[in-house]
Amino acid sequence: MSNKKHEDIEMASTRESDAFAEKAPFLARSSSQPRSHKDAPLAGYFDKIDHSPGASIMAYCLSSISMTVVNKYVVSGSDWNLNFFYLAVQAIVCTAAILLSKQLGAFQNLSAFDPVKAKKWFPISLLLVGMIYTSTKALQFLSVPVYTIFKNLTIIVIAYGEVLWFGGSVTPMALLSFGLMVLSSIVAAWADIQAAIDGFGPHADSSAAISTLNAGYAWMGMNVFCTASYVLGMRKVIKKMNFKDYDTMFYNNLLTIPVLIVCSLLVEDWGTENLLKNFPEETRNHIFIGMVYSGLAAIFISYCSAWCIRVTSSTTYSMVGALNKLPIAVSGLIFFDAPITFGSVSAIILGFISGLVFTWSKVKQKVQNVLPVSQPTMSASAQSNRDANS
């Protein structure tokens, strides 16, 4: 799924050697095929880019930022109410892209569909539906900076879920990062509410603006617990599944398609009048392009995640994920009508610092071979898939 999120929770700490072993069939370029002398300069140029840490980091950041911006654009229409349909289109596009890539030989390590594994994984896919639906609803009502800041709270819930159910542990530095995350969320909410009272934003009526924010906070709260349930539930199941690199993404998207379609048909209004409201003529083509891109973006983020880990390290990848929250939040200020105030900027900076502190706590504990928060063994593609839809 996109949601990546693709929104974003930077929680995976995949070991570099394992990551390289998984990503190599997908990313490595064959050197056994002879190249003509004419193609040598061009081949050398692309090979240089393929092994460039800077290029991989830039590609990962741009893909995740574009994913968040496109998601916000699609769901931010004043009359938008077809979230289940939107997520179904994402899943269909992503599944089709995965199958096509496998046929073209790109995803060589993608296993064939196994009905037994699908049956075992289906409950996890239901949790994923809850996570991505509440995520799009929260993004619909909240600004991108506030949404990005509040997503950090999921880290805290997952951390203590690990402590309760899997014997995980939380270090003092991780606790400090959690405190900063909570503080940044409080400051963001205060700044948002103050801006609404002062008449900033799309709603001139402050009571309507406050009502919209309250709806967004409610959906955000549900998303935090849905995301934690998905991650913790996946940790319990994924070790038994023996999934390879892109298997998680494939099963997640494939199994959620029927659920999302049924939910859309049962819950959402498919009348002509409502369809015209959701897809107004002046923006219809742009919305359709955004919906298709959001499905493909999950593949792009997966590729860039694997590329980044292969040419840098898992530690660098985690740090880039933490640093990437700042440009994602800033993109909301640039592309959308998010109020720029002292409070909103302070909240972004606090959220950015909290992500850095949490990532540094993981780095320190990794050196000591004791992680601050025990995490499920997951591939980069599974992580980026969850980021793209959050």
Protein backbone atom coordinates (compact mmCIF):
# COMPACT_ATOMS: atom_id res chain seq x y z
CA MET A 1 0.00 0.00 0.00
CA SER A 2 0.89 3.56 -0.41
CA ASN A 3 0.31 5.43 2.80
CA LYS A 4 3.36 5.78 3.28
CA LYS A 5 3.92 6.31 3.75
CA HIS A 6 4.38 6.49 3.45
CA GLU A 7 3.39 8.45 5.73
CA ASP A 8 5.98 8.45 8.12
CA ILE A 9 7.02 5.94 10.86
CA GLU A 10 10.69 5.07 10.53
CA MET A 11 10.65 1.92 12.62
CA ALA A 12 12.51 -0.73 10.63
CA SER A 13 16.15 -1.35 11.43
CA THR A 14 16.98 -3.95 8.83
CA ARG A 15 20.49 -5.33 9.07
CA GLU A 16 22.65 -4.19 6.19
CA SER A 17 23.88 -7.61 5.19
CA ASP A 18 20.38 -9.09 5.18
CA ALA A 19 19.05 -6.09 3.29
CA PHE A 20 21.71 -6.45 0.62
CA ALA A 21 21.04 -10.16 0.25
CA GLU A 22 17.35 -9.47 -0.29
CA LYS A 23 17.68 -6.45 -2.52
CA ALA A 24 20.52 -7.61 -4.72
CA PRO A 25 18.33 -9.61 -7.16
CA PHE A 26 16.14 -6.55 -7.60
CA LEU A 27 18.70 -3.76 -7.66
CA ALA A 28 21.97 -5.14 -8.88
CA ARG A 29 22.77 -4.64 -12.50
CA SER A 30 24.17 -7.52 -14.44
CA SER A 31 27.76 -7.12 -15.55
CA SER A 32 27.94 -10.39 -17.45
CA GLN A 33 26.29 -9.05 -20.59
CA PRO A 34 28.75 -7.49 -23.03
CA ARG A 35 28.30 -3.80 -23.82
CA SER A 36 29.33 -2.08 -27.00
CA HIS A 37 32.04 0.56 -26.90
CA LYS A 38 29.43 3.14 -27.89
CA ASP A 39 27.31 2.40 -24.82
CA ALA A 40 30.24 2.34 -22.39
CA PRO A 41 30.14 6.05 -21.32
CA LEU A 42 26.37 5.94 -20.79
CA ALA A 43 26.63 2.65 -18.91
CA GLY A 44 29.35 4.08 -16.72
CA TYR A 45 27.20 7.11 -15.93
CA PHE A 46 24.22 5.00 -14.86
CA ASP A 47 26.48 2.67 -12.90
CA LYS A 48 27.91 5.66 -11.05
CA ILE A 49 24.40 6.82 -10.13
CA ASP A 50 23.43 3.29 -9.09
CA HIS A 51 26.28 3.26 -6.55
CA SER A 52 25.80 6.86 -5.38
CA PRO A 53 24.65 7.22 -1.73
CA GLY A 54 23.54 10.79 -2.39
CA ALA A 55 21.38 9.80 -5.35
CA SER A 56 19.73 6.97 -3.41
CA ILE A 57 18.97 9.21 -0.43
CA MET A 58 17.57 11.95 -2.65
CA ALA A 59 15.39 9.44 -4.53
CA TYR A 60 14.03 7.99 -1.28
CA CYS A 61 13.21 11.44 0.12
CA LEU A 62 11.55 12.66 -3.08
CA SER A 63 9.48 9.50 -3.48
CA SER A 64 8.16 9.60 0.10
CA ILE A 65 7.46 13.36 -0.04
CA SER A 66 5.61 13.02 -3.34
CA MET A 67 3.57 10.16 -1.88
CA THR A 68 2.40 12.26 1.06
CA VAL A 69 1.65 15.29 -1.12
CA VAL A 70 -0.34 13.24 -3.64
CA ASN A 71 -2.34 11.50 -0.91
CA LYS A 72 -3.20 14.85 0.65
CA TYR A 73 -4.16 16.31 -2.74
CA VAL A 74 -6.57 13.48 -3.56
CA VAL A 75 -8.40 13.43 -0.20
CA SER A 76 -8.42 17.18 0.45
CA GLY A 77 -11.38 18.00 -1.78
CA SER A 78 -14.17 19.71 0.15
CA ASP A 79 -16.69 17.00 -0.84
CA TRP A 80 -14.35 13.99 -0.90
CA ASN A 81 -15.85 10.87 0.74
CA LEU A 82 -14.63 7.89 -1.31
CA ASN A 83 -11.65 6.82 0.79
CA PHE A 84 -12.33 3.08 0.48
CA PHE A 85 -12.53 3.41 -3.31
CA TYR A 86 -9.28 5.40 -3.38
CA LEU A 87 -7.46 2.76 -1.33
CA ALA A 88 -8.88 0.00 -3.53
CA VAL A 89 -7.46 1.73 -6.63
CA GLN A 90 -4.09 2.03 -4.87
CA ALA A 91 -4.08 -1.68 -4.04
CA ILE A 92 -5.10 -2.72 -7.57
CA VAL A 93 -2.46 -0.54 -9.22
CA CYS A 94 0.26 -1.69 -6.84
CA THR A 95 -0.64 -5.38 -7.23
CA ALA A 96 -0.73 -5.08 -11.02
CA ALA A 97 2.65 -3.30 -11.00
CA ILE A 98 4.17 -6.02 -8.80
CA LEU A 99 2.91 -8.82 -11.06
CA LEU A 100 4.08 -6.99 -14.18
CA SER A 101 7.50 -6.38 -12.65
CA LYS A 102 7.75 -10.06 -11.80
CA GLN A 103 6.94 -11.00 -15.38
CA LEU A 104 9.65 -8.61 -16.59
CA GLY A 105 12.15 -10.20 -14.21
CA ALA A 106 12.51 -7.27 -11.81
CA PHE A 107 11.12 -8.97 -8.69
CA GLN A 108 12.99 -12.25 -8.96
CA ASN A 109 12.55 -13.11 -5.29
CA LEU A 110 8.74 -12.76 -5.28
CA SER A 111 7.20 -16.11 -4.36
CA ALA A 112 4.19 -17.59 -6.12
CA PHE A 113 0.79 -17.01 -4.50
CA ASP A 114 0.14 -19.52 -1.71
CA PRO A 115 -3.51 -19.87 -0.55
CA VAL A 116 -2.40 -21.29 2.81
CA LYS A 117 -0.18 -18.29 3.50
CA ALA A 118 -2.93 -15.96 2.27
CA LYS A 119 -5.39 -17.46 4.78
CA LYS A 120 -2.91 -16.98 7.64
CA TRP A 121 -2.06 -13.45 6.54
CA PHE A 122 -5.65 -12.28 5.96
CA PRO A 123 -6.25 -11.08 9.58
CA ILE A 124 -3.14 -8.91 9.25
CA SER A 125 -4.54 -7.46 6.04
CA LEU A 126 -7.75 -6.56 7.88
CA LEU A 127 -5.66 -4.66 10.43
CA LEU A 128 -3.93 -2.94 7.51
CA VAL A 129 -7.30 -1.81 6.14
CA GLY A 130 -8.07 -0.19 9.48
CA MET A 131 -4.67 1.49 9.51
CA ILE A 132 -4.74 2.94 6.00
CA TYR A 133 -8.40 4.00 6.15
CA THR A 134 -7.97 5.94 9.41
CA SER A 135 -4.74 7.35 8.00
CA THR A 136 -6.43 8.83 4.93
CA LYS A 137 -9.29 10.18 7.06
CA ALA A 138 -6.83 11.87 9.43
CA LEU A 139 -4.88 13.32 6.49
CA GLN A 140 -8.16 14.55 5.03
CA PHE A 141 -8.94 16.70 8.08
CA LEU A 142 -5.45 17.64 9.32
CA SER A 143 -2.62 19.55 7.69
CA VAL A 144 0.41 17.59 6.49
CA PRO A 145 2.74 19.02 9.22
CA VAL A 146 0.31 18.17 12.05
CA TYR A 147 -0.36 14.73 10.57
CA THR A 148 3.37 14.02 10.30
CA ILE A 149 4.01 15.15 13.87
CA PHE A 150 1.17 13.11 15.35
CA LYS A 151 2.33 9.97 13.52
CA ASN A 152 5.30 9.95 15.90
CA LEU A 153 2.91 8.98 18.72
CA THR A 154 2.53 5.57 17.07
CA ILE A 155 6.16 4.84 17.95
CA ILE A 156 5.34 5.24 21.65
CA VAL A 157 2.30 2.94 21.53
CA ILE A 158 4.24 0.27 19.64
CA ALA A 159 7.16 0.55 22.06
CA TYR A 160 5.02 -0.15 25.09
CA GLY A 161 3.08 -2.81 23.21
CA GLU A 162 6.43 -4.53 22.69
CA VAL A 163 7.18 -4.18 26.40
CA LEU A 164 3.81 -5.70 27.40
CA TRP A 165 3.57 -8.55 24.91
CA PHE A 166 7.05 -9.33 23.63
CA GLY A 167 9.37 -8.43 26.49
CA GLY A 168 10.81 -5.39 24.78
CA SER A 169 12.64 -2.61 26.60
CA VAL A 170 12.77 1.20 26.45
CA THR A 171 16.00 3.06 27.15
CA PRO A 172 16.28 6.48 28.87
CA MET A 173 17.20 8.12 25.56
CA ALA A 174 14.15 6.57 23.92
CA LEU A 175 12.05 7.91 26.80
CA LEU A 176 13.47 11.37 26.14
CA SER A 177 12.49 11.10 22.48
CA PHE A 178 8.98 10.00 23.52
CA GLY A 179 8.66 13.09 25.73
CA LEU A 180 9.70 15.30 22.83
CA MET A 181 7.18 13.56 20.57
CA VAL A 182 4.35 14.21 23.02
CA LEU A 183 5.46 17.82 23.49
CA SER A 184 5.64 18.41 19.73
CA SER A 185 2.12 16.97 19.33
CA ILE A 186 0.75 19.25 22.07
CA VAL A 187 2.41 22.30 20.51
CA ALA A 188 1.11 21.31 17.04
CA ALA A 189 -2.45 20.91 18.33
CA TRP A 190 -2.27 24.21 20.19
CA ALA A 191 -0.95 26.03 17.11
CA ASP A 192 -3.59 24.44 14.89
CA ILE A 193 -6.45 25.35 17.22
CA GLN A 194 -5.12 28.89 17.70
CA ALA A 195 -4.86 29.36 13.93
CA ALA A 196 -8.44 28.12 13.52
CA ILE A 197 -9.69 30.56 16.16
CA ASP A 198 -7.84 33.40 14.45
CA GLY A 199 -9.46 32.55 11.10
CA PHE A 200 -6.46 31.09 9.27
CA GLY A 201 -6.97 28.19 6.88
CA PRO A 202 -9.78 27.16 4.49
CA HIS A 203 -12.59 27.75 7.00
CA ALA A 204 -13.51 31.35 7.70
CA ASP A 205 -15.86 30.21 10.46
CA SER A 206 -13.78 29.29 13.51
CA SER A 207 -16.39 26.86 14.86
CA ALA A 208 -16.35 24.91 11.56
CA ALA A 209 -12.55 24.91 11.60
CA ILE A 210 -12.46 23.61 15.19
CA SER A 211 -14.99 20.91 14.28
CA THR A 212 -12.79 19.82 11.36
CA LEU A 213 -9.73 19.67 13.59
CA ASN A 214 -11.58 17.65 16.23
CA ALA A 215 -12.58 15.14 13.56
CA GLY A 216 -8.97 14.97 12.40
CA TYR A 217 -7.65 14.40 15.93
CA ALA A 218 -10.23 11.65 16.49
CA TRP A 219 -9.21 9.87 13.29
CA MET A 220 -5.54 10.40 14.16
CA GLY A 221 -6.06 8.80 17.57
CA MET A 222 -7.74 5.79 15.97
CA ASN A 223 -4.95 5.59 13.40
CA VAL A 224 -2.27 5.49 16.12
CA PHE A 225 -3.86 2.43 17.73
CA CYS A 226 -4.75 0.79 14.40
CA THR A 227 -1.15 1.20 13.22
CA ALA A 228 0.21 -0.19 16.48
CA SER A 229 -2.18 -3.17 16.25
CA TYR A 230 -1.06 -3.83 12.67
CA VAL A 231 2.66 -3.67 13.48
CA LEU A 232 2.40 -5.76 16.65
CA GLY A 233 0.10 -8.29 14.98
CA MET A 234 2.43 -8.55 12.01
CA ARG A 235 5.37 -9.14 14.31
CA LYS A 236 3.57 -12.13 15.76
CA VAL A 237 2.77 -13.64 12.37
CA ILE A 238 5.52 -12.64 9.96
CA LYS A 239 8.22 -14.90 11.40
CA LYS A 240 6.03 -17.92 10.67
CA MET A 241 5.39 -16.86 7.07
CA ASN A 242 8.99 -16.86 5.78
CA PHE A 243 8.18 -13.96 3.47
CA LYS A 244 10.85 -12.67 1.12
CA ASP A 245 11.47 -9.06 0.16
CA TYR A 246 8.31 -8.13 -1.74
CA ASP A 247 5.97 -10.88 -0.50
CA THR A 248 4.61 -8.72 2.30
CA MET A 249 3.70 -5.91 -0.07
CA PHE A 250 2.16 -8.34 -2.56
CA TYR A 251 -0.06 -10.16 -0.03
CA ASN A 252 -1.05 -6.94 1.72
CA ASN A 253 -2.26 -5.34 -1.49
CA LEU A 254 -3.84 -8.43 -3.02
CA LEU A 255 -5.78 -9.45 0.09
CA THR A 256 -7.07 -5.96 0.83
CA ILE A 257 -8.56 -5.46 -2.64
CA PRO A 258 -11.81 -7.44 -2.04
CA VAL A 259 -12.20 -5.98 1.46
CA LEU A 260 -11.81 -2.41 0.23
CA ILE A 261 -14.15 -2.93 -2.73
CA VAL A 262 -16.87 -4.46 -0.53
CA CYS A 263 -16.52 -1.68 2.04
CA SER A 264 -16.73 0.94 -0.70
CA LEU A 265 -19.88 -0.60 -2.20
CA LEU A 266 -21.57 -0.98 1.21
CA VAL A 267 -20.56 2.26 2.92
CA GLU A 268 -19.85 4.86 0.25
CA ASP A 269 -22.33 6.70 -1.95
CA TRP A 270 -22.03 5.65 -5.58
CA GLY A 271 -24.79 7.92 -6.82
CA THR A 272 -24.14 10.11 -9.85
CA GLU A 273 -24.43 13.32 -7.84
CA ASN A 274 -21.87 12.20 -5.26
CA LEU A 275 -19.46 10.99 -7.93
CA LEU A 276 -19.61 14.40 -9.61
CA LYS A 277 -18.84 16.05 -6.25
CA ASN A 278 -15.85 13.80 -5.64
CA PHE A 279 -14.56 14.10 -9.20
CA PRO A 280 -15.37 17.64 -10.38
CA GLU A 281 -14.73 18.16 -14.07
CA GLU A 282 -12.01 20.78 -13.59
CA THR A 283 -9.81 18.48 -11.44
CA ARG A 284 -11.04 15.02 -12.48
CA ASN A 285 -8.04 14.05 -14.59
CA HIS A 286 -5.59 15.27 -11.95
CA ILE A 287 -7.32 13.22 -9.26
CA PHE A 288 -7.27 10.07 -11.41
CA ILE A 289 -3.57 10.57 -12.17
CA GLY A 290 -2.90 11.06 -8.46
CA MET A 291 -4.77 7.87 -7.57
CA VAL A 292 -2.76 5.82 -10.07
CA TYR A 293 0.52 7.43 -9.02
CA SER A 294 -0.15 6.70 -5.36
CA GLY A 295 -0.33 2.99 -6.18
CA LEU A 296 2.89 3.10 -8.19
CA ALA A 297 4.60 5.19 -5.51
CA ALA A 298 4.61 2.21 -3.15
CA ILE A 299 6.84 0.44 -5.67
CA PHE A 300 9.04 3.53 -6.07
CA ILE A 301 9.50 3.88 -2.31
CA SER A 302 10.30 0.18 -1.97
CA TYR A 303 12.92 0.42 -4.71
CA CYS A 304 14.46 3.56 -3.21
CA SER A 305 14.47 2.05 0.29
CA ALA A 306 16.29 -1.03 -0.93
CA TRP A 307 18.66 1.10 -3.02
CA CYS A 308 19.44 3.38 -0.07
CA ILE A 309 20.22 0.46 2.26
CA ARG A 310 22.35 -1.27 -0.40
CA VAL A 311 24.65 1.67 -1.13
CA THR A 312 24.73 3.16 2.41
CA SER A 313 23.71 1.23 5.52
CA SER A 314 20.62 0.42 7.56
CA THR A 315 21.74 3.02 10.12
CA THR A 316 21.98 5.71 7.45
CA TYR A 317 18.58 4.65 6.13
CA SER A 318 17.01 5.02 9.59
CA MET A 319 18.60 8.42 10.05
CA VAL A 320 17.41 9.55 6.61
CA GLY A 321 13.91 8.46 7.60
CA ALA A 322 14.07 10.66 10.69
CA LEU A 323 15.51 13.61 8.76
CA ASN A 324 12.92 13.14 6.03
CA LYS A 325 10.10 14.14 8.37
CA LEU A 326 11.22 17.77 8.15
CA PRO A 327 10.87 18.17 4.35
CA ILE A 328 7.59 16.20 4.44
CA ALA A 329 6.19 18.63 7.00
CA VAL A 330 7.56 21.61 5.08
CA SER A 331 5.97 20.29 1.87
CA GLY A 332 2.60 20.67 3.57
CA LEU A 333 3.36 24.32 4.19
CA ILE A 334 4.43 24.83 0.58
CA PHE A 335 1.78 22.93 -1.39
CA PHE A 336 -1.26 23.34 0.85
CA ASP A 337 -2.93 26.06 2.86
CA ALA A 338 -1.36 25.11 6.18
CA PRO A 339 -0.92 28.09 8.53
CA ILE A 340 2.69 29.14 9.09
CA THR A 341 2.94 30.36 12.67
CA PHE A 342 5.51 30.34 15.44
CA GLY A 343 3.68 27.41 17.04
CA SER A 344 3.49 25.31 13.87
CA VAL A 345 7.16 25.86 13.05
CA SER A 346 8.16 25.08 16.66
CA ALA A 347 6.13 21.85 16.56
CA ILE A 348 7.83 20.78 13.32
CA ILE A 349 11.27 21.43 14.80
CA LEU A 350 10.42 19.54 18.02
CA GLY A 351 9.04 16.60 16.03
CA PHE A 352 12.16 16.60 13.87
CA ILE A 353 14.44 16.59 16.94
CA SER A 354 12.41 13.82 18.60
CA GLY A 355 12.86 11.65 15.50
CA LEU A 356 16.60 12.24 15.54
CA VAL A 357 16.85 11.40 19.25
CA PHE A 358 14.84 8.20 18.78
CA THR A 359 16.96 7.15 15.80
CA TRP A 360 20.16 7.88 17.71
CA SER A 361 18.89 5.79 20.63
CA LYS A 362 18.41 2.89 18.22
CA VAL A 363 21.90 3.38 16.81
CA LYS A 364 23.48 3.35 20.27
CA GLN A 365 21.56 0.28 21.34
CA LYS A 366 22.38 -1.49 18.10
CA VAL A 367 26.05 -1.04 18.87
CA GLN A 368 25.40 -2.62 22.27
CA ASN A 369 23.29 -5.31 20.60
CA VAL A 370 20.24 -4.29 22.66
CA LEU A 371 17.59 -2.35 20.79
CA PRO A 372 15.54 0.24 22.69
CA VAL A 373 12.38 -1.07 21.08
CA SER A 374 12.26 -4.62 19.77
CA GLN A 375 10.89 -4.64 16.25
CA PRO A 376 9.63 -7.38 13.94
CA THR A 377 12.02 -8.61 11.27
CA MET A 378 10.80 -6.85 8.14
CA SER A 379 12.15 -6.04 4.73
CA ALA A 380 12.65 -2.52 3.44
CA SER A 381 9.78 -2.97 1.01
CA ALA A 382 7.37 -3.92 3.81
CA GLN A 383 8.49 -0.89 5.82
CA SER A 384 8.18 1.53 2.92
CA ASN A 385 4.84 0.00 2.01
CA ARG A 386 3.56 0.76 5.49
CA ASP A 387 5.09 4.32 5.30
CA ALA A 388 3.42 5.07 2.00
CA ASN A 389 -0.08 4.32 3.37
CA SER A 390 0.29 5.90 6.78
